[in-house]
N, C-alpha and C. Protein backbone atom coordinates (compact mmCIF):
# COMPACT_ATOMS: atom_id res chain seq x y z
N MET A 1 0.78 -1.16 -0.02
CA MET A 1 -0.01 0.00 -0.04
C MET A 1 0.86 1.26 0.00
N ARG A 2 0.49 2.23 -0.77
CA ARG A 2 1.29 3.38 -0.92
C ARG A 2 0.54 4.58 -0.33
N PHE A 3 1.16 5.44 0.42
CA PHE A 3 0.59 6.64 1.02
C PHE A 3 0.97 7.82 0.31
N ILE A 4 0.07 8.71 0.10
CA ILE A 4 0.36 10.04 -0.59
C ILE A 4 0.51 11.08 0.59
N PRO A 5 1.56 11.81 0.62
CA PRO A 5 1.67 12.80 1.65
C PRO A 5 0.56 13.82 1.62
N ILE A 6 0.03 14.18 2.76
CA ILE A 6 -1.09 15.13 2.87
C ILE A 6 -0.66 16.50 2.21
N ALA A 7 0.55 16.92 2.32
CA ALA A 7 0.92 18.18 1.73
C ALA A 7 0.77 18.08 0.23
N ALA A 8 1.02 16.98 -0.44
CA ALA A 8 0.86 16.84 -1.89
C ALA A 8 -0.61 16.94 -2.24
N VAL A 9 -1.49 16.34 -1.47
CA VAL A 9 -2.94 16.42 -1.76
C VAL A 9 -3.44 17.79 -1.66
N LEU A 10 -3.06 18.51 -0.56
CA LEU A 10 -3.50 19.93 -0.36
C LEU A 10 -3.00 20.81 -1.44
N ALA A 11 -1.76 20.61 -1.89
CA ALA A 11 -1.16 21.41 -3.00
C ALA A 11 -1.98 21.18 -4.26
N ALA A 12 -2.37 19.92 -4.51
CA ALA A 12 -3.07 19.63 -5.77
C ALA A 12 -4.50 20.26 -5.68
N LEU A 13 -5.13 20.22 -4.50
CA LEU A 13 -6.43 20.82 -4.38
C LEU A 13 -6.40 22.34 -4.58
N ALA A 14 -5.34 22.96 -4.05
CA ALA A 14 -5.19 24.43 -4.11
C ALA A 14 -4.99 24.86 -5.58
N ALA A 15 -4.41 24.00 -6.40
CA ALA A 15 -4.14 24.32 -7.79
C ALA A 15 -5.37 24.25 -8.65
N LEU A 16 -6.47 23.64 -8.23
CA LEU A 16 -7.71 23.52 -8.94
C LEU A 16 -8.31 24.86 -9.12
N PRO A 17 -9.02 25.15 -10.26
CA PRO A 17 -9.72 26.42 -10.40
C PRO A 17 -10.90 26.50 -9.46
N ALA A 18 -11.29 27.73 -9.12
CA ALA A 18 -12.38 27.98 -8.19
C ALA A 18 -13.71 27.57 -8.91
N PRO A 19 -14.65 27.07 -8.16
CA PRO A 19 -15.97 26.75 -8.76
C PRO A 19 -16.59 27.96 -9.43
N ALA A 20 -17.40 27.74 -10.50
CA ALA A 20 -18.04 28.78 -11.27
C ALA A 20 -18.98 29.62 -10.43
N SER A 21 -19.54 29.01 -9.35
CA SER A 21 -20.52 29.72 -8.62
C SER A 21 -19.95 30.63 -7.54
N ALA A 22 -18.57 30.63 -7.39
CA ALA A 22 -18.00 31.46 -6.43
C ALA A 22 -18.10 32.93 -6.81
N GLN A 23 -18.47 33.73 -5.91
CA GLN A 23 -18.69 35.17 -6.18
C GLN A 23 -17.42 35.91 -5.68
N PRO A 24 -16.95 36.88 -6.46
CA PRO A 24 -15.81 37.67 -6.03
C PRO A 24 -16.27 38.55 -4.87
N ALA A 25 -15.35 38.81 -3.93
CA ALA A 25 -15.71 39.65 -2.77
C ALA A 25 -15.94 41.06 -3.27
N PRO A 26 -16.89 41.73 -2.70
CA PRO A 26 -17.15 43.12 -3.12
C PRO A 26 -15.92 44.02 -2.75
N SER A 27 -15.67 44.96 -3.65
CA SER A 27 -14.46 45.83 -3.39
C SER A 27 -14.64 46.66 -2.19
N GLN A 28 -15.88 47.18 -1.97
CA GLN A 28 -16.14 48.00 -0.75
C GLN A 28 -17.49 47.53 -0.14
N PRO A 29 -17.51 47.50 1.17
CA PRO A 29 -18.73 47.07 1.81
C PRO A 29 -19.87 48.11 1.61
N ALA A 30 -21.12 47.61 1.52
CA ALA A 30 -22.27 48.48 1.30
C ALA A 30 -22.40 49.37 2.52
N GLN A 31 -22.75 50.61 2.29
CA GLN A 31 -22.92 51.59 3.38
C GLN A 31 -24.37 51.53 3.77
N ALA A 32 -24.57 51.36 5.10
CA ALA A 32 -25.94 51.40 5.70
C ALA A 32 -26.40 52.90 5.78
N SER A 33 -27.64 53.09 5.50
CA SER A 33 -28.15 54.46 5.62
C SER A 33 -28.45 54.78 7.07
N THR A 34 -28.25 55.96 7.45
CA THR A 34 -28.41 56.33 8.85
C THR A 34 -29.81 56.98 9.08
N SER A 35 -30.52 57.26 7.97
CA SER A 35 -31.87 57.83 8.10
C SER A 35 -32.66 57.49 6.87
N ILE A 36 -34.00 57.69 6.97
CA ILE A 36 -34.88 57.43 5.85
C ILE A 36 -34.82 58.68 4.94
N PRO A 37 -34.51 58.46 3.66
CA PRO A 37 -34.40 59.60 2.73
C PRO A 37 -35.68 60.45 2.67
N ALA A 38 -35.57 61.70 2.46
CA ALA A 38 -36.70 62.58 2.36
C ALA A 38 -37.62 62.15 1.20
N GLY A 39 -38.89 62.18 1.41
CA GLY A 39 -39.87 61.75 0.42
C GLY A 39 -40.22 60.33 0.45
N HIS A 40 -39.46 59.51 1.23
CA HIS A 40 -39.75 58.05 1.29
C HIS A 40 -40.77 57.85 2.46
N VAL A 41 -41.54 56.82 2.36
CA VAL A 41 -42.50 56.47 3.41
C VAL A 41 -42.29 55.04 3.84
N ARG A 42 -42.31 54.85 5.18
CA ARG A 42 -42.23 53.50 5.68
C ARG A 42 -43.56 52.73 5.37
N ALA A 43 -43.44 51.42 5.17
CA ALA A 43 -44.59 50.60 4.81
C ALA A 43 -45.64 50.68 5.95
N ASP A 44 -45.26 50.65 7.22
CA ASP A 44 -46.26 50.65 8.23
C ASP A 44 -46.93 51.98 8.37
N GLU A 45 -46.37 53.02 7.81
CA GLU A 45 -47.11 54.33 7.78
C GLU A 45 -48.10 54.35 6.61
N LEU A 46 -47.90 53.55 5.59
CA LEU A 46 -48.85 53.48 4.49
C LEU A 46 -49.99 52.54 4.70
N MET A 47 -49.74 51.53 5.52
CA MET A 47 -50.77 50.49 5.76
C MET A 47 -51.94 51.11 6.51
N ASP A 48 -53.15 50.75 6.16
CA ASP A 48 -54.40 51.18 6.79
C ASP A 48 -54.80 52.69 6.61
N ARG A 49 -53.96 53.32 5.73
CA ARG A 49 -54.33 54.71 5.44
C ARG A 49 -55.65 54.76 4.60
N ASP A 50 -56.44 55.76 4.83
CA ASP A 50 -57.74 55.90 4.07
C ASP A 50 -57.31 56.32 2.63
N VAL A 51 -58.06 55.76 1.69
CA VAL A 51 -57.77 55.99 0.26
C VAL A 51 -58.93 56.85 -0.32
N TYR A 52 -58.62 57.97 -0.93
CA TYR A 52 -59.62 58.91 -1.52
C TYR A 52 -59.39 58.91 -3.02
N SER A 53 -60.45 59.04 -3.74
CA SER A 53 -60.35 59.20 -5.20
C SER A 53 -60.08 60.67 -5.53
N THR A 54 -59.81 60.96 -6.80
CA THR A 54 -59.55 62.31 -7.25
C THR A 54 -60.78 63.17 -7.15
N ASP A 55 -62.02 62.53 -7.05
CA ASP A 55 -63.23 63.35 -6.85
C ASP A 55 -63.61 63.46 -5.38
N GLY A 56 -62.65 63.18 -4.43
CA GLY A 56 -62.82 63.42 -3.06
C GLY A 56 -63.67 62.39 -2.28
N VAL A 57 -63.92 61.27 -2.88
CA VAL A 57 -64.74 60.23 -2.21
C VAL A 57 -63.80 59.21 -1.55
N GLU A 58 -64.12 58.90 -0.28
CA GLU A 58 -63.35 57.90 0.43
C GLU A 58 -63.74 56.53 -0.12
N ILE A 59 -62.74 55.84 -0.62
CA ILE A 59 -62.97 54.54 -1.27
C ILE A 59 -62.77 53.37 -0.31
N GLY A 60 -61.78 53.43 0.58
CA GLY A 60 -61.45 52.36 1.48
C GLY A 60 -60.15 52.62 2.12
N GLU A 61 -59.30 51.62 2.20
CA GLU A 61 -57.99 51.80 2.88
C GLU A 61 -56.96 50.91 2.19
N VAL A 62 -55.67 51.25 2.47
CA VAL A 62 -54.55 50.41 1.94
C VAL A 62 -54.52 49.15 2.81
N GLU A 63 -54.64 48.03 2.16
CA GLU A 63 -54.67 46.75 2.85
C GLU A 63 -53.30 46.03 2.86
N ASP A 64 -52.53 46.12 1.72
CA ASP A 64 -51.29 45.39 1.60
C ASP A 64 -50.47 45.98 0.45
N LEU A 65 -49.21 45.58 0.48
CA LEU A 65 -48.29 46.00 -0.57
C LEU A 65 -47.70 44.74 -1.17
N ILE A 66 -47.68 44.70 -2.51
CA ILE A 66 -47.09 43.56 -3.23
C ILE A 66 -45.74 44.01 -3.76
N ILE A 67 -44.70 43.29 -3.31
CA ILE A 67 -43.37 43.65 -3.62
C ILE A 67 -42.78 42.78 -4.74
N ASP A 68 -42.12 43.38 -5.70
CA ASP A 68 -41.44 42.69 -6.76
C ASP A 68 -39.99 42.49 -6.31
N PRO A 69 -39.60 41.32 -5.85
CA PRO A 69 -38.24 41.12 -5.31
C PRO A 69 -37.18 41.28 -6.39
N ALA A 70 -37.46 40.97 -7.61
CA ALA A 70 -36.47 41.08 -8.68
C ALA A 70 -36.11 42.54 -8.94
N ALA A 71 -37.13 43.42 -8.86
CA ALA A 71 -36.89 44.79 -9.10
C ALA A 71 -36.61 45.62 -7.85
N GLY A 72 -36.93 44.95 -6.69
CA GLY A 72 -36.67 45.59 -5.43
C GLY A 72 -37.55 46.82 -5.14
N ARG A 73 -38.82 46.73 -5.56
CA ARG A 73 -39.74 47.85 -5.31
C ARG A 73 -41.18 47.31 -5.13
N ILE A 74 -42.00 48.26 -4.66
CA ILE A 74 -43.41 47.93 -4.50
C ILE A 74 -44.02 47.97 -5.89
N ALA A 75 -44.64 46.88 -6.29
CA ALA A 75 -45.18 46.77 -7.64
C ALA A 75 -46.69 47.18 -7.62
N MET A 76 -47.45 46.64 -6.65
CA MET A 76 -48.87 46.89 -6.53
C MET A 76 -49.27 47.14 -5.18
N VAL A 77 -50.41 47.88 -5.01
CA VAL A 77 -50.97 48.15 -3.73
C VAL A 77 -52.37 47.52 -3.72
N ILE A 78 -52.66 46.76 -2.68
CA ILE A 78 -53.95 46.16 -2.55
C ILE A 78 -54.85 47.18 -1.69
N ILE A 79 -55.97 47.55 -2.30
CA ILE A 79 -56.88 48.46 -1.65
C ILE A 79 -58.15 47.76 -1.31
N GLU A 80 -58.56 47.90 -0.09
CA GLU A 80 -59.84 47.39 0.37
C GLU A 80 -60.93 48.40 0.05
N VAL A 81 -61.70 48.06 -0.96
CA VAL A 81 -62.80 48.92 -1.38
C VAL A 81 -64.01 48.66 -0.46
N GLU A 82 -64.52 49.73 0.15
CA GLU A 82 -65.65 49.61 1.06
C GLU A 82 -66.91 50.05 0.39
N ASN A 83 -68.04 49.44 0.76
CA ASN A 83 -69.34 49.91 0.23
C ASN A 83 -69.76 51.16 1.09
N ARG A 84 -70.89 51.73 0.82
CA ARG A 84 -71.33 52.92 1.42
C ARG A 84 -71.55 52.76 2.98
N LEU A 85 -71.70 51.54 3.48
CA LEU A 85 -71.85 51.32 4.88
C LEU A 85 -70.52 51.10 5.58
N GLY A 86 -69.39 51.10 4.85
CA GLY A 86 -68.12 50.90 5.43
C GLY A 86 -67.68 49.48 5.52
N LEU A 87 -68.44 48.54 4.92
CA LEU A 87 -68.10 47.12 4.94
C LEU A 87 -67.31 46.83 3.67
N THR A 88 -66.45 45.85 3.79
CA THR A 88 -65.60 45.47 2.69
C THR A 88 -66.40 44.90 1.49
N GLN A 89 -66.26 45.58 0.36
CA GLN A 89 -66.97 45.16 -0.81
C GLN A 89 -66.06 44.21 -1.60
N LYS A 90 -64.76 44.54 -1.77
CA LYS A 90 -63.82 43.68 -2.52
C LYS A 90 -62.45 44.34 -2.29
N HIS A 91 -61.43 43.60 -2.83
CA HIS A 91 -60.08 44.11 -2.85
C HIS A 91 -59.64 44.30 -4.27
N VAL A 92 -58.96 45.37 -4.58
CA VAL A 92 -58.48 45.63 -5.92
C VAL A 92 -56.94 45.93 -5.79
N SER A 93 -56.26 45.76 -6.91
CA SER A 93 -54.81 46.12 -6.92
C SER A 93 -54.62 47.21 -7.92
N VAL A 94 -53.75 48.15 -7.50
CA VAL A 94 -53.39 49.25 -8.45
C VAL A 94 -51.87 49.42 -8.36
N PRO A 95 -51.27 49.94 -9.44
CA PRO A 95 -49.84 50.21 -9.38
C PRO A 95 -49.49 51.29 -8.38
N MET A 96 -48.38 51.23 -7.70
CA MET A 96 -48.00 52.10 -6.66
C MET A 96 -47.92 53.53 -7.24
N ASP A 97 -47.52 53.69 -8.49
CA ASP A 97 -47.40 55.03 -9.09
C ASP A 97 -48.72 55.72 -9.33
N ARG A 98 -49.82 55.05 -9.07
CA ARG A 98 -51.16 55.75 -9.13
C ARG A 98 -51.53 56.39 -7.79
N LEU A 99 -50.79 56.17 -6.74
CA LEU A 99 -51.07 56.75 -5.46
C LEU A 99 -50.25 57.99 -5.20
N ARG A 100 -50.84 58.97 -4.50
CA ARG A 100 -50.15 60.16 -4.07
C ARG A 100 -50.17 60.12 -2.58
N VAL A 101 -49.01 60.03 -1.96
CA VAL A 101 -48.93 59.95 -0.51
C VAL A 101 -48.38 61.29 -0.02
N ALA A 102 -49.14 62.01 0.77
CA ALA A 102 -48.66 63.27 1.34
C ALA A 102 -48.09 63.03 2.72
N PRO A 103 -46.84 63.48 2.94
CA PRO A 103 -46.24 63.21 4.29
C PRO A 103 -47.07 63.94 5.35
N GLY A 104 -47.26 63.22 6.46
CA GLY A 104 -47.97 63.84 7.55
C GLY A 104 -49.49 63.73 7.54
N GLU A 105 -50.06 63.34 6.33
CA GLU A 105 -51.52 63.16 6.20
C GLU A 105 -51.90 61.72 6.43
N ARG A 106 -53.14 61.55 6.86
CA ARG A 106 -53.60 60.23 7.16
C ARG A 106 -54.26 59.63 5.89
N ARG A 107 -54.31 60.33 4.84
CA ARG A 107 -55.02 59.83 3.63
C ARG A 107 -54.01 59.66 2.48
N VAL A 108 -54.43 58.79 1.53
CA VAL A 108 -53.74 58.62 0.28
C VAL A 108 -54.69 58.93 -0.80
N THR A 109 -54.24 59.62 -1.81
CA THR A 109 -55.15 59.85 -2.97
C THR A 109 -54.75 59.03 -4.13
N ILE A 110 -55.73 58.36 -4.70
CA ILE A 110 -55.45 57.53 -5.92
C ILE A 110 -55.86 58.31 -7.13
N ASN A 111 -55.08 58.26 -8.15
CA ASN A 111 -55.27 59.07 -9.38
C ASN A 111 -56.34 58.40 -10.29
N MET A 112 -57.54 58.25 -9.69
CA MET A 112 -58.68 57.69 -10.40
C MET A 112 -59.96 58.24 -9.80
N ALA A 113 -61.02 58.32 -10.60
CA ALA A 113 -62.35 58.69 -10.04
C ALA A 113 -62.92 57.52 -9.30
N SER A 114 -63.87 57.85 -8.40
CA SER A 114 -64.44 56.80 -7.50
C SER A 114 -65.13 55.71 -8.36
N ASN A 115 -65.85 56.07 -9.37
CA ASN A 115 -66.58 55.05 -10.17
C ASN A 115 -65.63 54.14 -10.96
N GLU A 116 -64.48 54.74 -11.33
CA GLU A 116 -63.43 53.98 -12.00
C GLU A 116 -62.82 52.91 -11.05
N ILE A 117 -62.57 53.34 -9.82
CA ILE A 117 -61.95 52.40 -8.85
C ILE A 117 -62.93 51.28 -8.52
N ARG A 118 -64.20 51.66 -8.30
CA ARG A 118 -65.17 50.63 -7.95
C ARG A 118 -65.48 49.70 -9.10
N SER A 119 -65.16 50.04 -10.28
CA SER A 119 -65.35 49.13 -11.44
C SER A 119 -64.15 48.21 -11.71
N LEU A 120 -63.03 48.43 -11.01
CA LEU A 120 -61.86 47.56 -11.22
C LEU A 120 -62.27 46.09 -10.77
N PRO A 121 -61.75 45.13 -11.44
CA PRO A 121 -61.98 43.76 -11.01
C PRO A 121 -61.38 43.47 -9.68
N GLY A 122 -62.08 42.70 -8.86
CA GLY A 122 -61.53 42.27 -7.59
C GLY A 122 -60.43 41.28 -7.71
N VAL A 123 -59.53 41.27 -6.72
CA VAL A 123 -58.45 40.26 -6.75
C VAL A 123 -58.64 39.21 -5.68
N ASN A 124 -58.23 38.05 -5.88
CA ASN A 124 -58.31 37.02 -4.84
C ASN A 124 -57.27 37.34 -3.76
N TYR A 125 -57.67 37.76 -2.65
CA TYR A 125 -56.76 38.20 -1.61
C TYR A 125 -57.04 37.46 -0.32
């Protein structure tokens, strides 16, 4: 039986090319932000805000945010549409860019008329 010295095995392994899935180390570490940038809104500040149409009618409230992980952004907003008695009629989804969020206000305005919002198809939520 013949033994191969451990040093020879380690040297042979070190000479092999790195696996294709190995990622190079970043040149500089990512800098953590020390504050929320001006004009940005935290998700918990947006949740449950009242939603008003452009014609001033209260439609319902922000129920949820749908995030696109590939793009790293909020893709859709789920709005709970209420009937005239304040009961949930249905849930609809609208693109985030259709909402206007004013800092310090408890309301969100959607860039649609109330009848247009109410005619949107409901989503399974």
